[in-house]
Protein backbone atom coordinates (compact mmCIF):
# COMPACT_ATOMS: atom_id res chain seq x y z
CA MET A 1 68.48 103.01 81.76
CA SER A 2 69.71 105.17 78.52
CA THR A 3 72.99 104.11 77.40
CA THR A 4 75.88 105.26 74.74
CA ARG A 5 78.17 103.09 73.46
CA VAL A 6 81.60 104.33 74.20
CA ALA A 7 85.20 103.09 74.19
CA GLY A 8 88.07 104.23 76.89
CA ILE A 9 91.56 103.81 76.17
CA ASP A 10 93.86 104.39 79.21
CA CYS A 11 97.50 104.84 78.42
CA GLY A 12 99.91 104.58 81.36
CA THR A 13 103.88 103.85 81.70
CA ASN A 14 103.50 100.19 82.14
CA SER A 15 100.36 99.09 80.70
CA ILE A 16 97.38 99.83 78.27
CA ARG A 17 94.09 99.35 78.75
CA LEU A 18 90.76 99.47 76.61
CA LEU A 19 87.24 99.21 77.80
CA VAL A 20 84.25 99.53 75.80
CA ALA A 21 80.93 99.95 77.38
CA ASP A 22 77.41 101.27 77.68
CA CYS A 23 77.18 103.57 79.66
CA ASP A 24 74.68 105.83 80.99
CA PRO A 25 75.71 109.32 81.62
CA ALA A 26 73.23 110.32 84.32
CA THR A 27 74.02 107.50 86.95
CA GLY A 28 77.60 105.85 86.05
CA GLU A 29 76.21 102.34 85.54
CA PHE A 30 77.34 101.00 82.49
CA VAL A 31 76.84 97.20 80.89
CA GLU A 32 80.86 96.25 79.89
CA LEU A 33 81.39 94.56 76.58
CA ASP A 34 85.29 94.55 76.71
CA ARG A 35 87.78 95.32 78.70
CA ARG A 36 91.34 94.11 77.84
CA MET A 37 94.98 95.20 79.44
CA THR A 38 98.28 94.74 77.67
CA ILE A 39 101.80 95.10 79.14
CA VAL A 40 103.67 97.53 76.90
CA ARG A 41 105.90 99.40 79.31
CA LEU A 42 105.73 102.67 77.46
CA GLY A 43 107.92 104.09 80.35
CA GLN A 44 111.14 102.14 79.95
CA GLY A 45 113.88 104.15 80.23
CA VAL A 46 111.85 107.12 80.39
CA ASP A 47 112.84 108.72 83.95
CA LYS A 48 116.57 108.10 82.84
CA THR A 49 116.72 109.33 79.37
CA GLY A 50 113.66 111.49 79.11
CA ARG A 51 112.89 110.12 75.74
CA LEU A 52 110.19 106.90 74.91
CA ALA A 53 111.94 104.18 73.49
CA PRO A 54 111.22 103.03 69.98
CA GLU A 55 110.22 99.11 71.25
CA ALA A 56 108.29 101.08 73.22
CA LEU A 57 106.64 102.91 71.01
CA GLU A 58 106.20 99.95 68.77
CA ARG A 59 104.80 97.60 71.61
CA THR A 60 102.19 100.34 72.21
CA PHE A 61 101.22 100.79 68.89
CA ALA A 62 100.42 97.03 68.01
CA ALA A 63 98.15 97.20 70.96
CA CYS A 64 96.77 100.31 69.97
CA ARG A 65 96.28 98.13 66.55
CA GLU A 66 94.15 95.32 68.26
CA TYR A 67 92.35 97.78 70.21
CA ALA A 68 91.20 99.60 67.11
CA ALA A 69 90.09 96.49 65.57
CA VAL A 70 87.79 95.58 68.69
CA VAL A 71 86.39 99.25 68.84
CA LYS A 72 85.08 99.10 64.63
CA GLU A 73 83.65 95.73 65.50
CA LEU A 74 81.52 96.86 68.50
CA GLY A 75 80.78 100.18 66.95
CA ALA A 76 81.28 102.31 69.95
CA GLU A 77 80.01 105.85 69.46
CA ARG A 78 82.82 107.86 70.30
CA ILE A 79 86.88 107.05 71.54
CA ARG A 80 88.70 108.93 73.77
CA PHE A 81 92.41 107.63 74.58
CA VAL A 82 94.07 109.24 77.60
CA ALA A 83 97.86 109.23 78.21
CA THR A 84 99.40 109.51 81.49
CA SER A 85 102.85 110.02 83.17
CA ALA A 86 105.30 108.29 80.87
CA SER A 87 103.98 110.47 77.93
CA ARG A 88 103.91 113.53 79.82
CA ASP A 89 107.63 113.50 80.73
CA ALA A 90 108.98 112.57 77.32
CA GLU A 91 110.80 115.22 74.85
CA ASN A 92 109.52 113.09 71.78
CA ARG A 93 105.84 112.29 72.81
CA ASP A 94 105.31 113.60 69.43
CA ASP A 95 105.99 110.86 68.06
CA PHE A 96 103.79 108.78 70.36
CA VAL A 97 100.53 111.08 69.42
CA ARG A 98 101.29 110.73 65.58
CA GLY A 99 101.44 107.23 65.64
CA VAL A 100 97.87 106.78 68.01
CA LEU A 101 96.25 109.40 65.80
CA ASP A 102 97.03 107.39 62.68
CA ILE A 103 96.31 104.35 63.99
CA LEU A 104 92.95 105.31 66.18
CA GLY A 105 91.81 108.16 64.19
CA VAL A 106 92.03 110.27 67.93
CA GLU A 107 94.40 112.17 69.34
CA PRO A 108 95.76 111.05 72.85
CA GLU A 109 94.76 113.47 76.04
CA VAL A 110 98.26 113.57 77.60
CA ILE A 111 96.71 114.83 80.59
CA THR A 112 97.88 116.35 83.71
CA GLY A 113 98.67 114.58 86.85
CA ASP A 114 95.23 116.62 87.99
CA GLN A 115 93.16 115.68 85.84
CA GLU A 116 94.13 112.02 85.87
CA ALA A 117 93.23 111.98 89.53
CA GLU A 118 89.76 113.37 88.47
CA PHE A 119 89.20 110.44 86.09
CA SER A 120 90.25 108.12 88.99
CA PHE A 121 87.92 109.42 91.25
CA THR A 122 85.04 109.20 88.77
CA GLY A 123 85.97 105.77 88.13
CA ALA A 124 86.44 104.48 91.86
CA THR A 125 83.55 106.17 93.50
CA LYS A 126 80.33 106.19 91.08
CA GLU A 127 79.45 103.13 92.29
CA LEU A 128 80.20 103.99 95.70
CA THR A 129 77.27 106.56 95.94
CA GLY A 130 74.40 106.08 98.72
CA ARG A 131 76.67 102.78 100.27
CA THR A 132 76.34 103.19 104.66
CA ASP A 133 79.04 101.05 104.98
CA MET A 134 82.08 102.97 104.06
CA GLU A 135 82.98 106.53 105.65
CA ARG A 136 83.50 109.45 103.99
CA PRO A 137 85.88 111.19 102.99
CA PHE A 138 87.40 108.66 100.98
CA LEU A 139 91.05 108.83 99.64
CA VAL A 140 91.63 107.23 96.25
CA VAL A 141 95.14 106.22 95.41
CA ASP A 142 95.95 104.75 92.05
CA ILE A 143 99.17 103.70 92.32
CA GLY A 144 100.79 103.54 88.49
CA GLY A 145 103.72 102.69 86.60
CA GLY A 146 105.59 105.88 86.95
CA SER A 147 103.24 108.33 88.89
CA THR A 148 100.72 107.94 92.13
CA GLU A 149 97.56 109.77 92.45
CA PHE A 150 96.18 111.19 95.63
CA VAL A 151 92.56 112.17 95.63
CA VAL A 152 90.23 113.37 98.91
CA GLY A 153 86.67 113.95 98.50
CA SER A 154 82.69 112.46 99.21
CA GLU A 155 80.39 113.15 96.15
CA HIS A 156 83.12 115.25 94.41
CA VAL A 157 87.27 115.83 94.24
CA ARG A 158 87.98 118.49 97.29
CA ALA A 159 91.96 117.62 96.67
CA ALA A 160 94.05 116.02 94.54
CA ARG A 161 98.05 115.78 93.48
CA SER A 162 100.04 113.51 91.45
CA VAL A 163 103.47 112.88 92.60
CA ASP A 164 106.29 110.72 90.83
CA VAL A 165 106.73 107.38 92.50
CA GLY A 166 105.35 104.44 90.91
CA CYS A 167 106.10 101.11 90.59
CA VAL A 168 108.08 101.36 87.23
CA ARG A 169 109.98 104.24 88.00
CA MET A 170 111.44 102.85 91.40
CA THR A 171 112.41 99.95 90.26
CA GLU A 172 114.35 101.17 87.35
CA ARG A 173 115.34 103.96 89.67
CA HIS A 174 116.65 102.23 92.58
CA LEU A 175 116.80 98.24 91.47
CA VAL A 176 118.29 98.13 88.08
CA VAL A 177 122.63 97.72 87.85
CA ASP A 178 123.88 97.54 85.05
CA GLY A 179 120.66 96.62 83.01
CA THR A 180 119.30 94.01 85.64
CA VAL A 181 116.66 93.93 88.14
CA THR A 182 118.42 93.25 91.51
CA ASP A 183 117.01 89.88 92.62
CA PRO A 184 116.11 90.09 95.51
CA PRO A 185 116.79 93.83 96.45
CA THR A 186 119.14 94.91 98.95
CA GLU A 187 118.26 96.43 102.52
CA GLU A 188 120.08 99.41 100.77
CA GLN A 189 117.78 99.49 98.21
CA ILE A 190 114.71 99.27 99.63
CA ALA A 191 115.48 101.91 102.13
CA ALA A 192 116.14 104.49 98.90
CA ILE A 193 112.83 103.46 97.87
CA ARG A 194 110.96 104.53 101.25
CA SER A 195 112.94 107.39 100.97
CA ASP A 196 111.60 108.60 97.66
CA ILE A 197 107.98 107.60 98.48
CA GLU A 198 108.24 109.01 102.06
CA ALA A 199 109.81 112.66 100.21
CA ALA A 200 107.05 112.32 97.47
CA LEU A 201 103.96 111.70 100.64
CA ASP A 202 105.42 114.59 102.42
CA LEU A 203 104.59 116.48 98.73
CA ALA A 204 100.80 115.01 98.22
CA ALA A 205 100.55 116.39 102.36
CA GLU A 206 100.81 119.62 101.17
CA THR A 207 97.57 119.53 98.74
CA VAL A 208 95.92 116.63 100.11
CA PRO A 209 94.48 116.37 103.75
CA LEU A 210 95.71 112.30 103.69
CA THR A 211 94.74 111.97 107.11
CA GLU A 212 91.41 113.17 107.32
CA ALA A 213 90.27 110.54 105.05
CA ARG A 214 88.20 107.85 106.49
CA THR A 215 88.00 105.36 103.99
CA LEU A 216 91.25 104.40 102.15
CA VAL A 217 90.34 102.94 98.41
CA GLY A 218 93.29 101.54 96.09
CA LEU A 219 93.62 101.51 92.69
CA ALA A 220 95.36 99.60 89.79
CA GLY A 221 97.76 96.55 89.29
CA SER A 222 99.78 96.88 91.94
CA VAL A 223 96.94 97.07 94.55
CA THR A 224 94.67 94.40 92.94
CA THR A 225 98.00 91.87 92.72
CA VAL A 226 98.83 92.37 96.10
CA ALA A 227 94.99 91.91 96.74
CA ALA A 228 94.97 88.43 94.69
CA ILE A 229 97.83 87.39 96.55
CA ALA A 230 96.37 88.44 99.84
CA LEU A 231 92.84 86.26 99.01
CA GLY A 232 94.80 83.14 98.04
CA LEU A 233 93.20 82.97 94.51
CA THR A 234 94.33 80.33 92.28
CA GLU A 235 93.84 82.60 89.29
CA TYR A 236 92.72 86.52 88.70
CA ASP A 237 89.42 87.01 89.51
CA SER A 238 88.02 90.41 88.91
CA ALA A 239 84.76 90.15 90.56
CA ALA A 240 86.35 88.29 93.88
CA ILE A 241 89.04 90.75 93.85
CA HIS A 242 86.55 94.09 93.54
CA HIS A 243 85.61 96.29 96.96
CA SER A 244 87.61 93.26 98.84
CA ARG A 245 88.89 94.97 101.76
CA ILE A 246 92.92 93.82 102.82
CA PRO A 247 93.79 94.63 105.96
CA TYR A 248 97.06 96.37 106.87
CA ALA A 249 98.89 93.13 108.51
CA LYS A 250 98.18 91.57 105.51
CA VAL A 251 99.64 94.14 102.94
CA ARG A 252 103.14 94.15 105.43
CA GLU A 253 103.40 90.55 105.01
CA ILE A 254 102.97 90.27 101.24
CA SER A 255 104.88 93.96 100.95
CA GLU A 256 107.79 91.84 102.86
CA ARG A 257 107.50 89.10 100.79
CA MET A 258 107.70 90.19 97.66
CA LEU A 259 110.81 92.08 98.68
CA THR A 260 112.81 89.36 99.70
CA ALA A 261 111.61 86.65 96.93
CA THR A 262 113.61 85.86 94.01
CA HIS A 263 112.24 86.65 90.54
CA ALA A 264 111.46 83.01 90.20
CA GLU A 265 109.56 82.79 93.59
CA ARG A 266 107.47 85.86 92.61
CA ALA A 267 106.71 84.46 88.70
CA ALA A 268 105.39 81.34 90.46
CA ILE A 269 102.81 83.21 92.06
CA PRO A 270 99.66 81.73 90.28
CA VAL A 271 97.86 85.35 89.65
CA MET A 272 101.31 87.41 88.77
CA HIS A 273 101.03 88.87 85.30
CA PRO A 274 104.39 88.40 83.90
CA GLY A 275 104.86 91.93 83.22
CA ARG A 276 104.46 92.73 87.48
CA VAL A 277 107.04 90.44 88.18
CA ASP A 278 109.86 92.76 88.40
CA VAL A 279 107.65 95.99 89.96
CA ILE A 280 105.39 94.29 92.04
CA GLY A 281 107.82 94.73 95.32
CA ALA A 282 107.99 98.40 94.68
CA GLY A 283 104.54 98.75 93.93
CA ALA A 284 103.43 96.97 97.38
CA LEU A 285 106.02 98.96 99.22
CA VAL A 286 104.21 102.02 98.11
CA LEU A 287 100.83 101.04 99.07
CA LEU A 288 102.21 99.81 102.18
CA ALA A 289 103.81 103.12 103.07
CA ILE A 290 100.79 105.16 102.11
CA MET A 291 98.61 102.79 105.09
CA GLU A 292 100.95 103.61 107.65
CA ARG A 293 101.33 107.26 106.84
CA ILE A 294 97.46 107.55 107.20
CA GLY A 295 97.01 104.73 110.22
CA ALA A 296 94.46 103.10 107.37
CA GLU A 297 93.59 99.59 108.96
CA GLU A 298 92.64 98.24 105.70
CA VAL A 299 92.35 99.44 102.00
CA VAL A 300 89.41 98.49 99.94
CA VAL A 301 90.25 97.62 96.64
CA SER A 302 88.54 98.89 93.23
CA GLU A 303 88.80 97.57 90.20
CA HIS A 304 87.24 100.16 88.52
CA ASP A 305 89.69 103.04 88.17
CA ILE A 306 90.75 105.74 85.90
CA LEU A 307 89.43 103.52 82.96
CA ASP A 308 86.02 103.25 84.31
CA GLY A 309 86.22 107.49 85.01
CA ILE A 310 86.88 107.96 81.07
CA ALA A 311 84.39 106.10 79.99
CA ILE A 312 81.78 107.52 82.19
CA LYS A 313 83.37 110.94 81.23
CA THR A 314 83.16 110.26 77.37
CA ALA A 315 79.34 108.91 77.84
CA GLU A 316 78.82 112.26 79.57
CA ASP A 317 80.43 114.65 76.99
CA VAL A 318 78.12 112.51 74.40
CA GLU A 319 75.07 113.33 75.84
CA ALA A 320 75.92 117.06 76.69
CA ASP A 321 76.86 117.25 72.85
CA LYS A 322 73.52 115.78 71.75
CA GLN A 323 71.49 118.42 74.36
CA ARG A 324 73.19 121.15 72.67
CA ASN A 325 72.68 119.94 69.16
């Protein structure tokens, strides 16, 4: 295959991730050279203050400096830095843009929710083209820290919507009391989260035909963590998680367990990333509510998501520029 070496960076509300890959723009196939993730909690306090906290910015810039060294070492032809929910919402997002530009030499694209959905759909479904064991259309659901994207399509996106429910936003809005996460949440707090999720699903359904989907594809850390727990893994194994199928009953069981466990009990789960300990309960509940709304018997879990979509689209852009020149 004819490949282009590209670097994609996805900076969300909770984490920042890097993918450097040799990508074939024609097929979307790629050879992964480096993939890494850092929990930076860029969205810390944004829902409440409307601003990116100085310490959150510094955590993010530290990760950017690490990623810049990796990209330089591997010699990517082009870098694309995509920023999502937290930086869309913040009054001081110019501070964020300047910092990234200084470190990486590229300006972050603060994309819309619809653009985010397009990237996620491309990353999650490009490799499913031709599969006969998955009915279409797909509903791709990307449960992030600040927002959740819903995309319905078969080969291409038919409808998409981003709504402001995510594991960090729901945790900060409903589970933090006097600066501390309730451990474990009360029934009233859980009900408040559920109410917000249901309202968000109503909004999504205005644009996206959720119930027409035949295969639910779940993306991002909340979903992959639920899958890792469901599979009984003793350590995180991306290959085992990718395209695993987790039944509804298992998702409900894990959601209830995460919402009734203490911080220490969640932290003791072998596959639990330290940065997800306090937010996994809300994230699992978002997934559960989606499955209940559409009547899904299972969720197909994908490790390929917006980050892979960014890399594929970047390679396509490089190839298009070469054709023009």
